[in-house]
């Protein structure tokens, strides 16, 4: 049996990047890279896991396969 933490590729607090496309008149009109922080995760048995990413002041749900890890979260030592 898989542990719950092993089901996720990214952890809460990880810095990730994804690309966003806009379509107009059947063509790519713009391509933008966005960088954000993982703030929530959702496990799915059938589809790819989804992550809620905070970018500026907005939140976006993005599939796991569209994300690129930039920096892992570092857990502080307990006091």
PDB file of N, CA and C in Angstrom:
ATOM      1  N   UNK A   1       0.840  -1.186   0.000  1.00  0.00           N
ATOM      2  CA  UNK A   1       0.000   0.000   0.000  1.00  0.00           C
ATOM      3  C   UNK A   1       0.884   1.247   0.000  1.00  0.00           C
ATOM      4  N   UNK A   2       0.499   2.228  -0.789  1.00  0.00           N
ATOM      5  CA  UNK A   2       1.274   3.461  -0.921  1.00  0.00           C
ATOM      6  C   UNK A   2       0.910   4.429   0.197  1.00  0.00           C
ATOM      7  N   UNK A   3       1.925   5.016   0.821  1.00  0.00           N
ATOM      8  CA  UNK A   3       1.671   6.016   1.849  1.00  0.00           C
ATOM      9  C   UNK A   3       1.122   7.272   1.190  1.00  0.00           C
ATOM     10  N   UNK A   4       0.309   8.018   1.922  1.00  0.00           N
ATOM     11  CA  UNK A   4      -0.341   9.197   1.368  1.00  0.00           C
ATOM     12  C   UNK A   4       0.663  10.213   0.827  1.00  0.00           C
ATOM     13  N   UNK A   5       1.768  10.447   1.501  1.00  0.00           N
ATOM     14  CA  UNK A   5       2.763  11.427   1.060  1.00  0.00           C
ATOM     15  C   UNK A   5       3.461  10.982  -0.227  1.00  0.00           C
ATOM     16  N   UNK A   6       3.552   9.659  -0.469  1.00  0.00           N
ATOM     17  CA  UNK A   6       4.215   9.159  -1.662  1.00  0.00           C
ATOM     18  C   UNK A   6       3.353   9.281  -2.903  1.00  0.00           C
ATOM     19  N   UNK A   7       2.073   9.604  -2.754  1.00  0.00           N
ATOM     20  CA  UNK A   7       1.170   9.738  -3.888  1.00  0.00           C
ATOM     21  C   UNK A   7       1.383  11.058  -4.616  1.00  0.00           C
ATOM     22  N   UNK A   8       2.081  11.982  -4.007  1.00  0.00           N
ATOM     23  CA  UNK A   8       2.256  13.310  -4.574  1.00  0.00           C
ATOM     24  C   UNK A   8       3.696  13.543  -5.011  1.00  0.00           C
ATOM     25  N   UNK A   9       3.852  14.144  -6.178  1.00  0.00           N
ATOM     26  CA  UNK A   9       5.174  14.483  -6.699  1.00  0.00           C
ATOM     27  C   UNK A   9       5.682  15.779  -6.074  1.00  0.00           C
ATOM     28  N   UNK A  10       4.773  16.704  -5.770  1.00  0.00           N
ATOM     29  CA  UNK A  10       5.138  18.002  -5.200  1.00  0.00           C
ATOM     30  C   UNK A  10       4.519  18.152  -3.815  1.00  0.00           C
ATOM     31  N   UNK A  11       5.223  18.862  -2.947  1.00  0.00           N
ATOM     32  CA  UNK A  11       4.761  19.091  -1.580  1.00  0.00           C
ATOM     33  C   UNK A  11       4.233  20.513  -1.432  1.00  0.00           C
ATOM     34  N   UNK A  12       3.413  20.726  -0.423  1.00  0.00           N
ATOM     35  CA  UNK A  12       2.915  22.077  -0.138  1.00  0.00           C
ATOM     36  C   UNK A  12       4.112  22.955   0.223  1.00  0.00           C
ATOM     37  N   UNK A  13       4.208  24.095  -0.452  1.00  0.00           N
ATOM     38  CA  UNK A  13       5.325  25.005  -0.242  1.00  0.00           C
ATOM     39  C   UNK A  13       6.368  24.959  -1.348  1.00  0.00           C
ATOM     40  N   UNK A  14       6.305  23.952  -2.230  1.00  0.00           N
ATOM     41  CA  UNK A  14       7.258  23.869  -3.337  1.00  0.00           C
ATOM     42  C   UNK A  14       7.034  25.026  -4.314  1.00  0.00           C
ATOM     43  N   UNK A  15       8.118  25.506  -4.890  1.00  0.00           N
ATOM     44  CA  UNK A  15       8.063  26.543  -5.919  1.00  0.00           C
ATOM     45  C   UNK A  15       8.043  25.842  -7.272  1.00  0.00           C
ATOM     46  N   UNK A  16       6.991  26.104  -8.054  1.00  0.00           N
ATOM     47  CA  UNK A  16       6.811  25.420  -9.330  1.00  0.00           C
ATOM     48  C   UNK A  16       6.572  26.427 -10.455  1.00  0.00           C
ATOM     49  N   UNK A  17       6.698  25.920 -11.684  1.00  0.00           N
ATOM     50  CA  UNK A  17       6.475  26.745 -12.867  1.00  0.00           C
ATOM     51  C   UNK A  17       5.564  25.978 -13.819  1.00  0.00           C
ATOM     52  N   UNK A  18       4.710  26.695 -14.543  1.00  0.00           N
ATOM     53  CA  UNK A  18       3.897  26.086 -15.587  1.00  0.00           C
ATOM     54  C   UNK A  18       3.691  27.105 -16.699  1.00  0.00           C
ATOM     55  N   UNK A  19       3.285  26.606 -17.868  1.00  0.00           N
ATOM     56  CA  UNK A  19       3.057  27.467 -19.015  1.00  0.00           C
ATOM     57  C   UNK A  19       1.559  27.638 -19.241  1.00  0.00           C
ATOM     58  N   UNK A  20       1.198  28.820 -19.664  1.00  0.00           N
ATOM     59  CA  UNK A  20      -0.207  29.121 -19.927  1.00  0.00           C
ATOM     60  C   UNK A  20      -0.334  29.645 -21.355  1.00  0.00           C
ATOM     61  N   UNK A  21      -1.297  29.106 -22.080  1.00  0.00           N
ATOM     62  CA  UNK A  21      -1.536  29.501 -23.460  1.00  0.00           C
ATOM     63  C   UNK A  21      -2.894  30.181 -23.573  1.00  0.00           C
ATOM     64  N   UNK A  22      -3.017  31.094 -24.501  1.00  0.00           N
ATOM     65  CA  UNK A  22      -4.302  31.702 -24.827  1.00  0.00           C
ATOM     66  C   UNK A  22      -4.555  31.477 -26.307  1.00  0.00           C
ATOM     67  N   UNK A  23      -5.772  31.084 -26.661  1.00  0.00           N
ATOM     68  CA  UNK A  23      -6.129  30.812 -28.041  1.00  0.00           C
ATOM     69  C   UNK A  23      -7.042  31.907 -28.583  1.00  0.00           C
ATOM     70  N   UNK A  24      -6.731  32.376 -29.761  1.00  0.00           N
ATOM     71  CA  UNK A  24      -7.585  33.305 -30.488  1.00  0.00           C
ATOM     72  C   UNK A  24      -7.535  32.916 -31.958  1.00  0.00           C
ATOM     73  N   UNK A  25      -8.682  32.779 -32.575  1.00  0.00           N
ATOM     74  CA  UNK A  25      -8.774  32.450 -34.001  1.00  0.00           C
ATOM     75  C   UNK A  25      -7.993  31.184 -34.355  1.00  0.00           C
ATOM     76  N   UNK A  26      -8.127  30.159 -33.512  1.00  0.00           N
ATOM     77  CA  UNK A  26      -7.518  28.841 -33.725  1.00  0.00           C
ATOM     78  C   UNK A  26      -5.988  28.837 -33.717  1.00  0.00           C
ATOM     79  N   UNK A  27      -5.365  29.884 -33.218  1.00  0.00           N
ATOM     80  CA  UNK A  27      -3.906  29.955 -33.126  1.00  0.00           C
ATOM     81  C   UNK A  27      -3.509  30.321 -31.700  1.00  0.00           C
ATOM     82  N   UNK A  28      -2.286  29.961 -31.339  1.00  0.00           N
ATOM     83  CA  UNK A  28      -1.760  30.420 -30.061  1.00  0.00           C
ATOM     84  C   UNK A  28      -1.516  31.917 -30.180  1.00  0.00           C
ATOM     85  N   UNK A  29      -2.146  32.680 -29.336  1.00  0.00           N
ATOM     86  CA  UNK A  29      -1.958  34.123 -29.374  1.00  0.00           C
ATOM     87  C   UNK A  29      -0.880  34.559 -28.394  1.00  0.00           C
ATOM     88  N   UNK A  30      -0.827  33.905 -27.256  1.00  0.00           N
ATOM     89  CA  UNK A  30       0.203  34.267 -26.292  1.00  0.00           C
ATOM     90  C   UNK A  30       0.636  33.039 -25.501  1.00  0.00           C
ATOM     91  N   UNK A  31       1.844  33.093 -25.037  1.00  0.00           N
ATOM     92  CA  UNK A  31       2.448  32.021 -24.252  1.00  0.00           C
ATOM     93  C   UNK A  31       3.130  32.682 -23.071  1.00  0.00           C
ATOM     94  N   UNK A  32       2.763  32.246 -21.885  1.00  0.00           N
ATOM     95  CA  UNK A  32       3.307  32.888 -20.696  1.00  0.00           C
ATOM     96  C   UNK A  32       3.709  31.837 -19.673  1.00  0.00           C
ATOM     97  N   UNK A  33       4.886  32.010 -19.097  1.00  0.00           N
ATOM     98  CA  UNK A  33       5.322  31.128 -18.009  1.00  0.00           C
ATOM     99  C   UNK A  33       4.938  31.777 -16.690  1.00  0.00           C
ATOM    100  N   UNK A  34       4.385  30.969 -15.802  1.00  0.00           N
ATOM    101  CA  UNK A  34       3.982  31.470 -14.489  1.00  0.00           C
ATOM    102  C   UNK A  34       4.720  30.679 -13.415  1.00  0.00           C
ATOM    103  N   UNK A  35       5.116  31.375 -12.369  1.00  0.00           N
ATOM    104  CA  UNK A  35       5.805  30.769 -11.233  1.00  0.00           C
ATOM    105  C   UNK A  35       4.942  30.984 -10.000  1.00  0.00           C
ATOM    106  N   UNK A  36       4.765  29.922  -9.218  1.00  0.00           N
ATOM    107  CA  UNK A  36       3.935  30.035  -8.027  1.00  0.00           C
ATOM    108  C   UNK A  36       4.305  28.992  -6.986  1.00  0.00           C
ATOM    109  N   UNK A  37       3.551  28.996  -5.902  1.00  0.00           N
ATOM    110  CA  UNK A  37       3.786  28.099  -4.767  1.00  0.00           C
ATOM    111  C   UNK A  37       2.608  27.145  -4.625  1.00  0.00           C
ATOM    112  N   UNK A  38       2.902  25.857  -4.390  1.00  0.00           N
ATOM    113  CA  UNK A  38       1.858  24.855  -4.162  1.00  0.00           C
ATOM    114  C   UNK A  38       1.214  25.135  -2.808  1.00  0.00           C
ATOM    115  N   UNK A  39      -0.110  25.353  -2.793  1.00  0.00           N
ATOM    116  CA  UNK A  39      -0.800  25.618  -1.531  1.00  0.00           C
ATOM    117  C   UNK A  39      -1.813  24.533  -1.162  1.00  0.00           C
ATOM    118  N   UNK A  40      -2.165  23.655  -2.136  1.00  0.00           N
ATOM    119  CA  UNK A  40      -3.105  22.577  -1.851  1.00  0.00           C
ATOM    120  C   UNK A  40      -2.910  21.477  -2.881  1.00  0.00           C
ATOM    121  N   UNK A  41      -3.205  20.214  -2.492  1.00  0.00           N
ATOM    122  CA  UNK A  41      -3.067  19.069  -3.388  1.00  0.00           C
ATOM    123  C   UNK A  41      -4.364  18.295  -3.426  1.00  0.00           C
ATOM    124  N   UNK A  42      -4.625  17.647  -4.560  1.00  0.00           N
ATOM    125  CA  UNK A  42      -5.812  16.807  -4.688  1.00  0.00           C
ATOM    126  C   UNK A  42      -5.419  15.515  -5.387  1.00  0.00           C
ATOM    127  N   UNK A  43      -5.599  14.377  -4.687  1.00  0.00           N
ATOM    128  CA  UNK A  43      -5.245  13.076  -5.248  1.00  0.00           C
ATOM    129  C   UNK A  43      -6.382  12.564  -6.122  1.00  0.00           C
ATOM    130  N   UNK A  44      -6.013  12.006  -7.280  1.00  0.00           N
ATOM    131  CA  UNK A  44      -6.993  11.413  -8.184  1.00  0.00           C
ATOM    132  C   UNK A  44      -6.492  10.043  -8.611  1.00  0.00           C
ATOM    133  N   UNK A  45      -7.357   9.044  -8.559  1.00  0.00           N
ATOM    134  CA  UNK A  45      -6.975   7.690  -8.947  1.00  0.00           C
ATOM    135  C   UNK A  45      -6.888   7.544 -10.466  1.00  0.00           C
ATOM    136  N   UNK A  46      -7.772   8.206 -11.197  1.00  0.00           N
ATOM    137  CA  UNK A  46      -7.852   8.028 -12.639  1.00  0.00           C
ATOM    138  C   UNK A  46      -7.011   9.054 -13.390  1.00  0.00           C
ATOM    139  N   UNK A  47      -7.215  10.330 -13.112  1.00  0.00           N
ATOM    140  CA  UNK A  47      -6.497  11.399 -13.802  1.00  0.00           C
ATOM    141  C   UNK A  47      -5.231  11.774 -13.035  1.00  0.00           C
ATOM    142  N   UNK A  48      -4.494  12.712 -13.611  1.00  0.00           N
ATOM    143  CA  UNK A  48      -3.294  13.229 -12.939  1.00  0.00           C
ATOM    144  C   UNK A  48      -3.691  14.005 -11.691  1.00  0.00           C
ATOM    145  N   UNK A  49      -2.857  13.931 -10.657  1.00  0.00           N
ATOM    146  CA  UNK A  49      -3.103  14.726  -9.452  1.00  0.00           C
ATOM    147  C   UNK A  49      -3.145  16.197  -9.831  1.00  0.00           C
ATOM    148  N   UNK A  50      -3.917  16.970  -9.074  1.00  0.00           N
ATOM    149  CA  UNK A  50      -3.979  18.403  -9.313  1.00  0.00           C
ATOM    150  C   UNK A  50      -3.448  19.152  -8.108  1.00  0.00           C
ATOM    151  N   UNK A  51      -2.879  20.319  -8.392  1.00  0.00           N
ATOM    152  CA  UNK A  51      -2.303  21.162  -7.352  1.00  0.00           C
ATOM    153  C   UNK A  51      -2.867  22.559  -7.481  1.00  0.00           C
ATOM    154  N   UNK A  52      -3.171  23.157  -6.340  1.00  0.00           N
ATOM    155  CA  UNK A  52      -3.607  24.553  -6.320  1.00  0.00           C
ATOM    156  C   UNK A  52      -2.352  25.403  -6.177  1.00  0.00           C
ATOM    157  N   UNK A  53      -2.108  26.258  -7.178  1.00  0.00           N
ATOM    158  CA  UNK A  53      -0.904  27.064  -7.234  1.00  0.00           C
ATOM    159  C   UNK A  53      -1.265  28.525  -7.010  1.00  0.00           C
ATOM    160  N   UNK A  54      -0.566  29.181  -6.089  1.00  0.00           N
ATOM    161  CA  UNK A  54      -0.777  30.603  -5.828  1.00  0.00           C
ATOM    162  C   UNK A  54       0.224  31.400  -6.658  1.00  0.00           C
ATOM    163  N   UNK A  55      -0.309  32.215  -7.568  1.00  0.00           N
ATOM    164  CA  UNK A  55       0.493  33.075  -8.433  1.00  0.00           C
ATOM    165  C   UNK A  55       0.000  34.496  -8.206  1.00  0.00           C
ATOM    166  N   UNK A  56       0.891  35.370  -7.760  1.00  0.00           N
ATOM    167  CA  UNK A  56       0.506  36.735  -7.386  1.00  0.00           C
ATOM    168  C   UNK A  56      -0.617  36.652  -6.362  1.00  0.00           C
ATOM    169  N   UNK A  57      -1.780  37.161  -6.661  1.00  0.00           N
ATOM    170  CA  UNK A  57      -2.903  37.121  -5.716  1.00  0.00           C
ATOM    171  C   UNK A  57      -4.002  36.165  -6.165  1.00  0.00           C
ATOM    172  N   UNK A  58      -3.734  35.344  -7.190  1.00  0.00           N
ATOM    173  CA  UNK A  58      -4.739  34.419  -7.716  1.00  0.00           C
ATOM    174  C   UNK A  58      -4.308  32.975  -7.509  1.00  0.00           C
ATOM    175  N   UNK A  59      -5.297  32.070  -7.469  1.00  0.00           N
ATOM    176  CA  UNK A  59      -5.047  30.642  -7.319  1.00  0.00           C
ATOM    177  C   UNK A  59      -5.526  29.909  -8.560  1.00  0.00           C
ATOM    178  N   UNK A  60      -4.750  28.897  -8.995  1.00  0.00           N
ATOM    179  CA  UNK A  60      -5.070  28.118 -10.180  1.00  0.00           C
ATOM    180  C   UNK A  60      -4.919  26.635  -9.866  1.00  0.00           C
ATOM    181  N   UNK A  61      -5.849  25.789 -10.376  1.00  0.00           N
ATOM    182  CA  UNK A  61      -5.711  24.341 -10.278  1.00  0.00           C
ATOM    183  C   UNK A  61      -5.000  23.866 -11.539  1.00  0.00           C
ATOM    184  N   UNK A  62      -3.837  23.210 -11.368  1.00  0.00           N
ATOM    185  CA  UNK A  62      -3.009  22.770 -12.486  1.00  0.00           C
ATOM    186  C   UNK A  62      -2.709  21.274 -12.337  1.00  0.00           C
ATOM    187  N   UNK A  63      -2.766  20.530 -13.449  1.00  0.00           N
ATOM    188  CA  UNK A  63      -2.430  19.103 -13.432  1.00  0.00           C
ATOM    189  C   UNK A  63      -0.941  18.901 -13.146  1.00  0.00           C
ATOM    190  N   UNK A  64      -0.637  17.779 -12.485  1.00  0.00           N
ATOM    191  CA  UNK A  64       0.729  17.463 -12.087  1.00  0.00           C
ATOM    192  C   UNK A  64       1.701  17.414 -13.273  1.00  0.00           C
ATOM    193  N   UNK A  65       1.253  16.876 -14.401  1.00  0.00           N
ATOM    194  CA  UNK A  65       2.151  16.725 -15.548  1.00  0.00           C
ATOM    195  C   UNK A  65       2.482  18.044 -16.249  1.00  0.00           C
ATOM    196  N   UNK A  66       1.825  19.119 -15.893  1.00  0.00           N
ATOM    197  CA  UNK A  66       2.101  20.429 -16.491  1.00  0.00           C
ATOM    198  C   UNK A  66       3.027  21.292 -15.626  1.00  0.00           C
ATOM    199  N   UNK A  67       3.411  20.784 -14.465  1.00  0.00           N
ATOM    200  CA  UNK A  67       4.249  21.547 -13.538  1.00  0.00           C
ATOM    201  C   UNK A  67       5.722  21.144 -13.649  1.00  0.00           C
ATOM    202  N   UNK A  68       6.581  22.113 -13.387  1.00  0.00           N
ATOM    203  CA  UNK A  68       8.024  21.884 -13.314  1.00  0.00           C
ATOM    204  C   UNK A  68       8.512  22.391 -11.964  1.00  0.00           C
ATOM    205  N   UNK A  69       9.246  21.567 -11.252  1.00  0.00           N
ATOM    206  CA  UNK A  69       9.759  21.937  -9.943  1.00  0.00           C
ATOM    207  C   UNK A  69      10.935  22.893 -10.080  1.00  0.00           C
ATOM    208  N   UNK A  70      10.873  24.017  -9.386  1.00  0.00           N
ATOM    209  CA  UNK A  70      11.976  24.972  -9.361  1.00  0.00           C
ATOM    210  C   UNK A  70      12.760  24.871  -8.060  1.00  0.00           C
ATOM    211  N   UNK A  71      12.038  24.646  -6.934  1.00  0.00           N
ATOM    212  CA  UNK A  71      12.700  24.568  -5.637  1.00  0.00           C
ATOM    213  C   UNK A  71      11.826  23.786  -4.662  1.00  0.00           C
ATOM    214  N   UNK A  72      12.444  22.829  -3.960  1.00  0.00           N
ATOM    215  CA  UNK A  72      11.734  22.048  -2.941  1.00  0.00           C
ATOM    216  C   UNK A  72      11.602  22.867  -1.665  1.00  0.00           C
ATOM    217  N   UNK A  73      10.506  22.628  -0.960  1.00  0.00           N
ATOM    218  CA  UNK A  73      10.318  23.283   0.329  1.00  0.00           C
ATOM    219  C   UNK A  73      11.300  22.675   1.329  1.00  0.00           C
ATOM    220  N   UNK A  74      11.863  23.510   2.185  1.00  0.00           N
ATOM    221  CA  UNK A  74      12.795  23.049   3.215  1.00  0.00           C
ATOM    222  C   UNK A  74      12.083  23.139   4.551  1.00  0.00           C
ATOM    223  N   UNK A  75      12.015  21.993   5.219  1.00  0.00           N
ATOM    224  CA  UNK A  75      11.336  21.977   6.515  1.00  0.00           C
ATOM    225  C   UNK A  75      12.291  22.456   7.599  1.00  0.00           C
ATOM    226  N   UNK A  76      11.801  23.361   8.415  1.00  0.00           N
ATOM    227  CA  UNK A  76      12.611  23.889   9.509  1.00  0.00           C
ATOM    228  C   UNK A  76      12.732  22.846  10.616  1.00  0.00           C
ATOM    229  N   UNK A  77      13.817  22.930  11.370  1.00  0.00           N
ATOM    230  CA  UNK A  77      14.002  22.013  12.501  1.00  0.00           C
ATOM    231  C   UNK A  77      13.071  22.414  13.632  1.00  0.00           C
ATOM    232  N   UNK A  78      12.563  21.433  14.340  1.00  0.00           N
ATOM    233  CA  UNK A  78      11.654  21.694  15.464  1.00  0.00           C
ATOM    234  C   UNK A  78      12.424  22.263  16.641  1.00  0.00           C
ATOM    235  N   UNK A  79      11.791  23.180  17.340  1.00  0.00           N
ATOM    236  CA  UNK A  79      12.420  23.792  18.525  1.00  0.00           C
ATOM    237  C   UNK A  79      11.876  23.191  19.782  1.00  0.00           C
TER     238      UNK A  79
END
